[in-house]
Amino acid sequence: MRFQERVIGCFKALATGDAIGKQTEMFSRADVQQWYPGGITGFHGQPGEVIPRYAGKRYEWRIGETTDDTEQTLAVTRALLREGRVSHKAIGRELLQCKKSLHPGVSLWAFVQSGDPSRIASEGGGCGAAMRTAPIGVFYSSSRLDELIRGAYECAIPTHGGQMAVCAAAAVAGAVSAALDGRPSAEVLTVAIRASKEAETLQPSGEAATITRSIAEIYSDLVRRQHLIADELAHHSTAAGARQPAHDRTVYSGGTRR
């Protein structure tokens, strides 16, 4: 498969997974079973129809509709295409145009309210940075990890300045880049963990918990299981999440490639 085909597949998969995931966003395992007894197998309904759980709500999300995950990913992509490099200010200018899921309580809200594309967030440990960082993995080869990590940092800081968010962004960018380079799955994981670990130095933290450790522990748990059973994973993940500090849990809820 050619590199260009992998990139197209990356963006298609991101948008498709985003839209499918919206059907059960924030659901517990019990909620999923209530609304979708047979489980999620793709889009449940005709494209353009209102997702049943959103009928009559303030915003009626549609089947097949992408969310702010895809919107912000495309914003980052536009910034890279225009600038030919990674710049938090250029990314910030594009993020100011994003409107989906924009409301008080989300990190993008404070950024848009400031109206300053060069703003750098001093905190923020949620998943908003990781969800939009795939284009950084497209832009930089995994053989240029230092530049990739710096790019993930620049991509994160307009809205997310906490170590967990920055490291999660670096891990995603590293994994995407390694996959696009055609590396085997074990190496994709290795690159992601290394990117996360090295990104810790960009935003030092006194916390013992790190994204790097979480990725390694989750993988270690999954690889030991002979069978992946949804009910067991849901129970295990809920119990593990309850033992973590709240800020630890928040993360989990094509330019020129030079």
C-alpha atoms as a PDB file:
ATOM      1  CA  MET A   1       0.000   0.000   0.000  1.00  0.00           C
ATOM      2  CA  ARG A   2       1.330   3.441  -0.920  1.00  0.00           C
ATOM      3  CA  PHE A   3       1.898   6.093   1.701  1.00  0.00           C
ATOM      4  CA  GLN A   4      -0.825   8.320   0.210  1.00  0.00           C
ATOM      5  CA  GLU A   5      -3.334   5.481   0.506  1.00  0.00           C
ATOM      6  CA  ARG A   6      -2.436   4.998   4.165  1.00  0.00           C
ATOM      7  CA  VAL A   7      -2.959   8.708   4.826  1.00  0.00           C
ATOM      8  CA  ILE A   8      -6.383   8.658   3.159  1.00  0.00           C
ATOM      9  CA  GLY A   9      -7.261   5.559   5.192  1.00  0.00           C
ATOM     10  CA  CYS A  10      -6.142   7.317   8.372  1.00  0.00           C
ATOM     11  CA  PHE A  11      -8.464  10.279   7.852  1.00  0.00           C
ATOM     12  CA  LYS A  12     -11.372   8.127   6.675  1.00  0.00           C
ATOM     13  CA  ALA A  13     -11.042   5.838   9.693  1.00  0.00           C
ATOM     14  CA  LEU A  14     -10.779   8.791  12.062  1.00  0.00           C
ATOM     15  CA  ALA A  15     -13.952  10.437  10.722  1.00  0.00           C
ATOM     16  CA  THR A  16     -15.869   7.158  10.544  1.00  0.00           C
ATOM     17  CA  GLY A  17     -14.906   6.106  14.057  1.00  0.00           C
ATOM     18  CA  ASP A  18     -15.782   9.567  15.334  1.00  0.00           C
ATOM     19  CA  ALA A  19     -19.282   9.436  13.815  1.00  0.00           C
ATOM     20  CA  ILE A  20     -19.933   5.855  14.946  1.00  0.00           C
ATOM     21  CA  GLY A  21     -18.696   6.653  18.434  1.00  0.00           C
ATOM     22  CA  LYS A  22     -21.060   9.603  18.802  1.00  0.00           C
ATOM     23  CA  GLN A  23     -23.940   7.125  19.019  1.00  0.00           C
ATOM     24  CA  THR A  24     -22.718   5.968  22.444  1.00  0.00           C
ATOM     25  CA  GLU A  25     -20.568   8.855  23.690  1.00  0.00           C
ATOM     26  CA  MET A  26     -20.516   9.006  27.514  1.00  0.00           C
ATOM     27  CA  PHE A  27     -22.552   5.793  27.754  1.00  0.00           C
ATOM     28  CA  SER A  28     -21.865   3.195  30.402  1.00  0.00           C
ATOM     29  CA  ARG A  29     -21.830  -0.463  29.377  1.00  0.00           C
ATOM     30  CA  ALA A  30     -25.406  -0.739  30.726  1.00  0.00           C
ATOM     31  CA  ASP A  31     -26.496   2.262  28.643  1.00  0.00           C
ATOM     32  CA  VAL A  32     -25.065   0.701  25.475  1.00  0.00           C
ATOM     33  CA  GLN A  33     -26.928  -2.532  26.167  1.00  0.00           C
ATOM     34  CA  GLN A  34     -30.163  -0.627  26.754  1.00  0.00           C
ATOM     35  CA  TRP A  35     -30.034   1.416  23.547  1.00  0.00           C
ATOM     36  CA  TYR A  36     -28.232  -1.124  21.355  1.00  0.00           C
ATOM     37  CA  PRO A  37     -28.957  -4.651  22.677  1.00  0.00           C
ATOM     38  CA  GLY A  38     -27.063  -6.221  19.793  1.00  0.00           C
ATOM     39  CA  GLY A  39     -24.048  -3.968  20.312  1.00  0.00           C
ATOM     40  CA  ILE A  40     -22.625  -1.322  17.994  1.00  0.00           C
ATOM     41  CA  THR A  41     -21.897  -2.744  14.553  1.00  0.00           C
ATOM     42  CA  GLY A  42     -21.675   0.504  12.581  1.00  0.00           C
ATOM     43  CA  PHE A  43     -24.234   3.191  11.838  1.00  0.00           C
ATOM     44  CA  HIS A  44     -27.607   2.262  13.328  1.00  0.00           C
ATOM     45  CA  GLY A  45     -30.106   3.962  11.067  1.00  0.00           C
ATOM     46  CA  GLN A  46     -30.069   5.929   7.864  1.00  0.00           C
ATOM     47  CA  PRO A  47     -27.443   8.654   7.378  1.00  0.00           C
ATOM     48  CA  GLY A  48     -28.916  12.031   8.215  1.00  0.00           C
ATOM     49  CA  GLU A  49     -31.536  10.730  10.620  1.00  0.00           C
ATOM     50  CA  VAL A  50     -31.389  11.999  14.193  1.00  0.00           C
ATOM     51  CA  ILE A  51     -29.593   9.617  16.556  1.00  0.00           C
ATOM     52  CA  PRO A  52     -32.493   8.425  18.784  1.00  0.00           C
ATOM     53  CA  ARG A  53     -30.909   9.495  22.073  1.00  0.00           C
ATOM     54  CA  TYR A  54     -30.566  13.070  20.779  1.00  0.00           C
ATOM     55  CA  ALA A  55     -34.126  13.491  19.519  1.00  0.00           C
ATOM     56  CA  GLY A  56     -35.601  16.683  20.973  1.00  0.00           C
ATOM     57  CA  LYS A  57     -32.291  17.780  22.517  1.00  0.00           C
ATOM     58  CA  ARG A  58     -30.677  21.220  22.140  1.00  0.00           C
ATOM     59  CA  TYR A  59     -28.629  19.856  19.255  1.00  0.00           C
ATOM     60  CA  GLU A  60     -29.905  16.845  17.356  1.00  0.00           C
ATOM     61  CA  TRP A  61     -26.822  14.909  16.290  1.00  0.00           C
ATOM     62  CA  ARG A  62     -27.340  12.986  13.072  1.00  0.00           C
ATOM     63  CA  ILE A  63     -26.353   9.466  12.107  1.00  0.00           C
ATOM     64  CA  GLY A  64     -23.081   9.692  10.189  1.00  0.00           C
ATOM     65  CA  GLU A  65     -22.322  13.202  11.467  1.00  0.00           C
ATOM     66  CA  THR A  66     -18.780  13.841  12.671  1.00  0.00           C
ATOM     67  CA  THR A  67     -18.033  15.768  15.851  1.00  0.00           C
ATOM     68  CA  ASP A  68     -15.487  18.285  17.065  1.00  0.00           C
ATOM     69  CA  ASP A  69     -12.866  15.515  16.949  1.00  0.00           C
ATOM     70  CA  THR A  70     -12.915  15.547  13.153  1.00  0.00           C
ATOM     71  CA  GLU A  71     -13.523  19.297  12.951  1.00  0.00           C
ATOM     72  CA  GLN A  72     -10.394  20.080  14.978  1.00  0.00           C
ATOM     73  CA  THR A  73      -8.339  17.457  13.132  1.00  0.00           C
ATOM     74  CA  LEU A  74      -9.169  19.170   9.862  1.00  0.00           C
ATOM     75  CA  ALA A  75      -8.342  22.547  11.429  1.00  0.00           C
ATOM     76  CA  VAL A  76      -4.854  21.283  12.286  1.00  0.00           C
ATOM     77  CA  THR A  77      -4.494  19.869   8.772  1.00  0.00           C
ATOM     78  CA  ARG A  78      -5.378  23.219   7.192  1.00  0.00           C
ATOM     79  CA  ALA A  79      -2.804  24.980   9.361  1.00  0.00           C
ATOM     80  CA  LEU A  80      -0.086  22.525   8.308  1.00  0.00           C
ATOM     81  CA  LEU A  81      -0.970  22.841   4.641  1.00  0.00           C
ATOM     82  CA  ARG A  82      -0.932  26.624   4.787  1.00  0.00           C
ATOM     83  CA  GLU A  83       2.222  27.083   6.861  1.00  0.00           C
ATOM     84  CA  GLY A  84       4.282  24.079   5.806  1.00  0.00           C
ATOM     85  CA  ARG A  85       5.346  23.705   9.432  1.00  0.00           C
ATOM     86  CA  VAL A  86       3.806  23.195  12.860  1.00  0.00           C
ATOM     87  CA  SER A  87       2.982  26.431  14.677  1.00  0.00           C
ATOM     88  CA  HIS A  88       0.643  26.703  17.654  1.00  0.00           C
ATOM     89  CA  LYS A  89      -0.401  30.176  16.492  1.00  0.00           C
ATOM     90  CA  ALA A  90      -1.308  28.935  12.997  1.00  0.00           C
ATOM     91  CA  ILE A  91      -3.220  26.026  14.531  1.00  0.00           C
ATOM     92  CA  GLY A  92      -4.829  28.486  16.933  1.00  0.00           C
ATOM     93  CA  ARG A  93      -6.144  30.597  14.058  1.00  0.00           C
ATOM     94  CA  GLU A  94      -7.883  27.552  12.616  1.00  0.00           C
ATOM     95  CA  LEU A  95      -9.205  26.381  15.989  1.00  0.00           C
ATOM     96  CA  LEU A  96     -10.880  29.758  16.499  1.00  0.00           C
ATOM     97  CA  GLN A  97     -13.163  28.831  13.593  1.00  0.00           C
ATOM     98  CA  CYS A  98     -14.311  25.552  15.174  1.00  0.00           C
ATOM     99  CA  LYS A  99     -17.921  25.582  16.392  1.00  0.00           C
ATOM    100  CA  LYS A 100     -18.931  22.005  17.175  1.00  0.00           C
ATOM    101  CA  SER A 101     -19.431  21.017  20.815  1.00  0.00           C
ATOM    102  CA  LEU A 102     -18.442  24.555  21.787  1.00  0.00           C
ATOM    103  CA  HIS A 103     -19.867  25.359  25.205  1.00  0.00           C
ATOM    104  CA  PRO A 104     -18.705  26.390  28.690  1.00  0.00           C
ATOM    105  CA  GLY A 105     -16.769  23.630  30.397  1.00  0.00           C
ATOM    106  CA  VAL A 106     -14.750  22.439  27.402  1.00  0.00           C
ATOM    107  CA  SER A 107     -11.171  23.611  26.900  1.00  0.00           C
ATOM    108  CA  LEU A 108     -11.835  25.095  23.461  1.00  0.00           C
ATOM    109  CA  TRP A 109     -14.449  27.424  24.948  1.00  0.00           C
ATOM    110  CA  ALA A 110     -11.903  29.417  26.977  1.00  0.00           C
ATOM    111  CA  PHE A 111      -9.606  29.576  23.954  1.00  0.00           C
ATOM    112  CA  VAL A 112     -12.322  30.887  21.624  1.00  0.00           C
ATOM    113  CA  GLN A 113     -13.493  33.365  24.266  1.00  0.00           C
ATOM    114  CA  SER A 114      -9.962  34.798  24.436  1.00  0.00           C
ATOM    115  CA  GLY A 115      -9.935  35.352  20.673  1.00  0.00           C
ATOM    116  CA  ASP A 116      -6.142  35.117  20.742  1.00  0.00           C
ATOM    117  CA  PRO A 117      -4.667  32.524  18.325  1.00  0.00           C
ATOM    118  CA  SER A 118      -1.291  32.722  20.084  1.00  0.00           C
ATOM    119  CA  ARG A 119      -2.728  31.870  23.514  1.00  0.00           C
ATOM    120  CA  ILE A 120      -0.940  29.062  25.353  1.00  0.00           C
ATOM    121  CA  ALA A 121      -2.908  27.077  27.919  1.00  0.00           C
ATOM    122  CA  SER A 122      -1.170  26.600  31.258  1.00  0.00           C
ATOM    123  CA  GLU A 123      -3.228  23.548  32.189  1.00  0.00           C
ATOM    124  CA  GLY A 124      -5.723  21.052  30.841  1.00  0.00           C
ATOM    125  CA  GLY A 125      -5.436  17.268  30.970  1.00  0.00           C
ATOM    126  CA  GLY A 126      -8.340  16.137  28.816  1.00  0.00           C
ATOM    127  CA  CYS A 127      -8.395  14.255  25.523  1.00  0.00           C
ATOM    128  CA  GLY A 128      -8.941  17.294  23.276  1.00  0.00           C
ATOM    129  CA  ALA A 129      -5.287  17.489  22.253  1.00  0.00           C
ATOM    130  CA  ALA A 130      -4.935  13.778  21.477  1.00  0.00           C
ATOM    131  CA  MET A 131      -8.100  13.692  19.378  1.00  0.00           C
ATOM    132  CA  ARG A 132      -6.784  16.239  16.841  1.00  0.00           C
ATOM    133  CA  THR A 133      -3.094  15.326  16.629  1.00  0.00           C
ATOM    134  CA  ALA A 134      -3.168  12.663  13.875  1.00  0.00           C
ATOM    135  CA  PRO A 135      -2.064  15.192  11.198  1.00  0.00           C
ATOM    136  CA  ILE A 136       1.197  15.666  13.116  1.00  0.00           C
ATOM    137  CA  GLY A 137       1.848  11.945  12.611  1.00  0.00           C
ATOM    138  CA  VAL A 138       1.181  12.413   8.906  1.00  0.00           C
ATOM    139  CA  PHE A 139       3.500  15.418   8.684  1.00  0.00           C
ATOM    140  CA  TYR A 140       6.519  13.869  10.432  1.00  0.00           C
ATOM    141  CA  SER A 141       8.024  10.438   9.898  1.00  0.00           C
ATOM    142  CA  SER A 142       8.527   8.345  13.024  1.00  0.00           C
ATOM    143  CA  SER A 143      12.261   8.512  12.270  1.00  0.00           C
ATOM    144  CA  ARG A 144      12.079  12.219  13.197  1.00  0.00           C
ATOM    145  CA  LEU A 145      10.626  11.663  16.632  1.00  0.00           C
ATOM    146  CA  ASP A 146      12.029  14.807  18.275  1.00  0.00           C
ATOM    147  CA  GLU A 147      10.315  17.017  15.705  1.00  0.00           C
ATOM    148  CA  LEU A 148       7.124  14.966  15.913  1.00  0.00           C
ATOM    149  CA  ILE A 149       6.995  15.349  19.706  1.00  0.00           C
ATOM    150  CA  ARG A 150       7.548  19.089  19.448  1.00  0.00           C
ATOM    151  CA  GLY A 151       4.825  19.241  16.807  1.00  0.00           C
ATOM    152  CA  ALA A 152       2.385  17.394  19.074  1.00  0.00           C
ATOM    153  CA  TYR A 153       3.221  19.876  21.834  1.00  0.00           C
ATOM    154  CA  GLU A 154       2.545  22.845  19.524  1.00  0.00           C
ATOM    155  CA  CYS A 155      -0.716  21.221  18.474  1.00  0.00           C
ATOM    156  CA  ALA A 156      -1.842  20.727  22.090  1.00  0.00           C
ATOM    157  CA  ILE A 157      -0.963  23.977  23.839  1.00  0.00           C
ATOM    158  CA  PRO A 158      -3.595  26.325  22.424  1.00  0.00           C
ATOM    159  CA  THR A 159      -6.138  24.526  24.634  1.00  0.00           C
ATOM    160  CA  HIS A 160      -4.319  21.822  26.637  1.00  0.00           C
ATOM    161  CA  GLY A 161      -1.137  22.579  28.561  1.00  0.00           C
ATOM    162  CA  GLY A 162      -1.118  19.776  31.119  1.00  0.00           C
ATOM    163  CA  GLN A 163       1.450  16.994  30.938  1.00  0.00           C
ATOM    164  CA  MET A 164      -1.130  14.249  30.469  1.00  0.00           C
ATOM    165  CA  ALA A 165      -2.717  15.973  27.473  1.00  0.00           C
ATOM    166  CA  VAL A 166       0.626  16.794  25.847  1.00  0.00           C
ATOM    167  CA  CYS A 167       1.938  13.248  26.312  1.00  0.00           C
ATOM    168  CA  ALA A 168      -1.283  11.698  25.032  1.00  0.00           C
ATOM    169  CA  ALA A 169      -1.047  13.901  21.933  1.00  0.00           C
ATOM    170  CA  ALA A 170       2.567  12.826  21.397  1.00  0.00           C
ATOM    171  CA  ALA A 171       1.630   9.154  21.805  1.00  0.00           C
ATOM    172  CA  VAL A 172      -1.160   9.371  19.226  1.00  0.00           C
ATOM    173  CA  ALA A 173       1.022  11.271  16.755  1.00  0.00           C
ATOM    174  CA  GLY A 174       3.817   8.743  17.240  1.00  0.00           C
ATOM    175  CA  ALA A 175       1.496   5.767  16.723  1.00  0.00           C
ATOM    176  CA  VAL A 176      -0.054   7.281  13.587  1.00  0.00           C
ATOM    177  CA  SER A 177       3.363   8.091  12.149  1.00  0.00           C
ATOM    178  CA  ALA A 178       4.768   4.613  12.835  1.00  0.00           C
ATOM    179  CA  ALA A 179       1.697   2.980  11.281  1.00  0.00           C
ATOM    180  CA  LEU A 180       1.960   5.174   8.182  1.00  0.00           C
ATOM    181  CA  ASP A 181       5.625   4.205   7.940  1.00  0.00           C
ATOM    182  CA  GLY A 182       4.466   0.587   7.706  1.00  0.00           C
ATOM    183  CA  ARG A 183       6.016  -0.527  10.982  1.00  0.00           C
ATOM    184  CA  PRO A 184       4.659  -3.699  12.634  1.00  0.00           C
ATOM    185  CA  SER A 185       2.150  -3.260  15.476  1.00  0.00           C
ATOM    186  CA  ALA A 186       4.725  -3.925  18.210  1.00  0.00           C
ATOM    187  CA  GLU A 187       6.876  -1.082  16.898  1.00  0.00           C
ATOM    188  CA  VAL A 188       3.844   1.214  16.653  1.00  0.00           C
ATOM    189  CA  LEU A 189       3.310   0.700  20.380  1.00  0.00           C
ATOM    190  CA  THR A 190       7.006   1.226  21.116  1.00  0.00           C
ATOM    191  CA  VAL A 191       7.071   4.514  19.209  1.00  0.00           C
ATOM    192  CA  ALA A 192       3.908   5.724  20.970  1.00  0.00           C
ATOM    193  CA  ILE A 193       5.335   4.964  24.410  1.00  0.00           C
ATOM    194  CA  ARG A 194       8.675   6.554  23.583  1.00  0.00           C
ATOM    195  CA  ALA A 195       6.977   9.690  22.239  1.00  0.00           C
ATOM    196  CA  SER A 196       4.866   9.970  25.388  1.00  0.00           C
ATOM    197  CA  LYS A 197       7.856   9.448  27.651  1.00  0.00           C
ATOM    198  CA  GLU A 198      10.021  12.033  25.923  1.00  0.00           C
ATOM    199  CA  ALA A 199       7.152  14.538  25.856  1.00  0.00           C
ATOM    200  CA  GLU A 200       7.094  14.489  29.671  1.00  0.00           C
ATOM    201  CA  THR A 201      10.131  16.780  29.685  1.00  0.00           C
ATOM    202  CA  LEU A 202       8.209  19.468  27.798  1.00  0.00           C
ATOM    203  CA  GLN A 203       5.658  19.790  30.593  1.00  0.00           C
ATOM    204  CA  PRO A 204       7.185  18.540  33.860  1.00  0.00           C
ATOM    205  CA  SER A 205       4.739  17.367  36.503  1.00  0.00           C
ATOM    206  CA  GLY A 206       5.059  16.229  40.071  1.00  0.00           C
ATOM    207  CA  GLU A 207       2.310  13.637  39.661  1.00  0.00           C
ATOM    208  CA  ALA A 208       3.265   9.972  39.925  1.00  0.00           C
ATOM    209  CA  ALA A 209       0.718   8.881  37.318  1.00  0.00           C
ATOM    210  CA  THR A 210       1.692   9.378  33.692  1.00  0.00           C
ATOM    211  CA  ILE A 211       0.149   8.618  30.320  1.00  0.00           C
ATOM    212  CA  THR A 212       3.263   6.618  29.450  1.00  0.00           C
ATOM    213  CA  ARG A 213       2.712   4.263  32.357  1.00  0.00           C
ATOM    214  CA  SER A 214      -1.017   4.019  31.658  1.00  0.00           C
ATOM    215  CA  ILE A 215      -0.454   3.007  28.022  1.00  0.00           C
ATOM    216  CA  ALA A 216       2.035   0.320  29.064  1.00  0.00           C
ATOM    217  CA  GLU A 217      -0.230  -1.018  31.821  1.00  0.00           C
ATOM    218  CA  ILE A 218      -3.330  -1.149  29.619  1.00  0.00           C
ATOM    219  CA  TYR A 219      -1.437  -2.978  26.887  1.00  0.00           C
ATOM    220  CA  SER A 220       0.051  -5.390  29.398  1.00  0.00           C
ATOM    221  CA  ASP A 221      -3.407  -6.177  30.769  1.00  0.00           C
ATOM    222  CA  LEU A 222      -4.980  -6.707  27.344  1.00  0.00           C
ATOM    223  CA  VAL A 223      -2.185  -8.837  25.902  1.00  0.00           C
ATOM    224  CA  ARG A 224      -2.460 -11.269  28.835  1.00  0.00           C
ATOM    225  CA  ARG A 225      -6.108 -11.989  28.071  1.00  0.00           C
ATOM    226  CA  GLN A 226      -6.842 -14.963  25.829  1.00  0.00           C
ATOM    227  CA  HIS A 227     -10.262 -13.525  24.955  1.00  0.00           C
ATOM    228  CA  LEU A 228     -11.500  -9.931  24.964  1.00  0.00           C
ATOM    229  CA  ILE A 229     -14.978 -10.059  26.495  1.00  0.00           C
ATOM    230  CA  ALA A 230     -16.836  -6.749  26.557  1.00  0.00           C
ATOM    231  CA  ASP A 231     -18.562  -7.254  29.936  1.00  0.00           C
ATOM    232  CA  GLU A 232     -15.289  -8.197  31.649  1.00  0.00           C
ATOM    233  CA  LEU A 233     -13.419  -5.260  30.141  1.00  0.00           C
ATOM    234  CA  ALA A 234     -16.197  -2.839  31.109  1.00  0.00           C
ATOM    235  CA  HIS A 235     -16.161  -4.074  34.709  1.00  0.00           C
ATOM    236  CA  HIS A 236     -12.374  -4.036  34.929  1.00  0.00           C
ATOM    237  CA  SER A 237     -12.027  -0.576  33.387  1.00  0.00           C
ATOM    238  CA  THR A 238     -14.725   0.929  35.609  1.00  0.00           C
ATOM    239  CA  ALA A 239     -13.112  -0.494  38.738  1.00  0.00           C
ATOM    240  CA  ALA A 240      -9.644   0.678  37.673  1.00  0.00           C
ATOM    241  CA  GLY A 241     -10.931   4.131  36.789  1.00  0.00           C
ATOM    242  CA  ALA A 242     -12.557   4.525  40.179  1.00  0.00           C
ATOM    243  CA  ARG A 243      -9.172   3.968  41.844  1.00  0.00           C
ATOM    244  CA  GLN A 244      -7.478   6.735  39.861  1.00  0.00           C
ATOM    245  CA  PRO A 245      -7.477  10.446  40.669  1.00  0.00           C
ATOM    246  CA  ALA A 246     -10.091  12.345  38.645  1.00  0.00           C
ATOM    247  CA  HIS A 247      -7.518  14.145  36.498  1.00  0.00           C
ATOM    248  CA  ASP A 248      -6.093  10.781  35.399  1.00  0.00           C
ATOM    249  CA  ARG A 249      -9.452   9.689  34.045  1.00  0.00           C
ATOM    250  CA  THR A 250     -10.096  12.746  31.888  1.00  0.00           C
ATOM    251  CA  VAL A 251      -7.789  11.633  29.084  1.00  0.00           C
ATOM    252  CA  TYR A 252      -9.733   8.404  28.529  1.00  0.00           C
ATOM    253  CA  SER A 253     -13.403   9.271  28.466  1.00  0.00           C
ATOM    254  CA  GLY A 254      -1.712  16.029   4.631  1.00  0.00           C
ATOM    255  CA  GLY A 255       1.015  18.483   4.701  1.00  0.00           C
ATOM    256  CA  THR A 256       4.440  17.736   3.323  1.00  0.00           C
ATOM    257  CA  ARG A 257       5.916  14.768   5.159  1.00  0.00           C
ATOM    258  CA  ARG A 258       9.477  15.821   5.730  1.00  0.00           C
END
